[in-house]
Amino acid sequence: MKIIWIDQNHAYKGLGTKYMKLICHLLNERGYKRIDLHTAHNNDIAQIYYQKTGFSNTGFTRSYA
């Protein structure tokens, strides 16, 4: 999977959180032990969201410039 995106008209309604929990559950059932997420370093909204859903910031891996 390359992109998960919630339309701005549907943001902040819990849809992304439900979807992320479902994805994590399905991947766990299939034996995946790690999920890596990437976002631009200045995408504060996504970074806050990921941390809120249990992911941790492990640093920068590439540039989105």
Protein backbone atom coordinates (compact mmCIF):
# COMPACT_ATOMS: atom_id res chain seq x y z
CA MET A 1 0.00 0.00 0.00
CA LYS A 2 1.45 3.34 -0.92
CA ILE A 3 -1.03 6.01 0.13
CA ILE A 4 -3.75 6.38 2.73
CA TRP A 5 -5.70 9.56 2.33
CA ILE A 6 -8.89 10.94 3.86
CA ASP A 7 -10.66 13.68 1.93
CA GLN A 8 -10.60 17.00 3.79
CA ASN A 9 -14.43 17.03 3.80
CA HIS A 10 -14.38 13.86 5.90
CA ALA A 11 -11.41 14.64 8.16
CA TYR A 12 -11.67 14.71 11.96
CA LYS A 13 -14.62 12.30 12.05
CA GLY A 14 -12.70 9.21 13.18
CA LEU A 15 -12.67 7.54 9.77
CA GLY A 16 -8.88 7.57 9.46
CA THR A 17 -8.44 6.10 12.93
CA LYS A 18 -10.92 3.31 12.24
CA TYR A 19 -9.25 2.59 8.91
CA MET A 20 -5.76 2.58 10.42
CA LYS A 21 -6.84 0.20 13.20
CA LEU A 22 -8.39 -2.13 10.62
CA ILE A 23 -5.25 -2.09 8.48
CA CYS A 24 -3.03 -2.80 11.49
CA HIS A 25 -5.31 -5.61 12.63
CA LEU A 26 -5.36 -7.25 9.19
CA LEU A 27 -1.60 -6.96 8.78
CA ASN A 28 -1.06 -8.42 12.26
CA GLU A 29 -3.32 -11.36 11.41
CA ARG A 30 -1.17 -11.97 8.34
CA GLY A 31 2.00 -12.08 10.43
CA TYR A 32 3.42 -8.62 9.82
CA LYS A 33 5.44 -7.39 12.78
CA ARG A 34 6.32 -3.90 11.59
CA ILE A 35 4.60 -1.07 9.75
CA ASP A 36 6.63 1.88 8.47
CA LEU A 37 4.92 5.18 7.76
CA HIS A 38 6.46 8.07 5.88
CA THR A 39 5.39 11.69 5.70
CA ALA A 40 6.98 15.00 4.82
CA HIS A 41 8.96 16.51 7.70
CA ASN A 42 6.63 19.53 7.77
CA ASN A 43 3.38 17.52 7.71
CA ASP A 44 2.60 18.14 11.37
CA ILE A 45 -1.02 17.00 11.10
CA ALA A 46 -0.05 13.54 9.83
CA GLN A 47 2.78 13.18 12.36
CA ILE A 48 0.47 14.07 15.27
CA TYR A 49 -2.14 11.66 13.93
CA TYR A 50 0.36 8.81 13.61
CA GLN A 51 1.65 9.36 17.15
CA LYS A 52 -1.94 9.51 18.44
CA THR A 53 -2.64 6.14 16.85
CA GLY A 54 0.38 4.52 18.53
CA PHE A 55 3.23 4.98 16.08
CA SER A 56 6.52 6.55 17.11
CA ASN A 57 8.80 8.92 15.25
CA THR A 58 12.06 7.18 14.41
CA GLY A 59 13.58 10.03 12.41
CA PHE A 60 13.92 11.14 8.83
CA THR A 61 14.51 8.62 6.05
CA ARG A 62 14.18 10.60 2.84
CA SER A 63 13.30 13.95 1.33
CA TYR A 64 9.93 14.86 -0.17
CA ALA A 65 11.33 18.00 -1.85
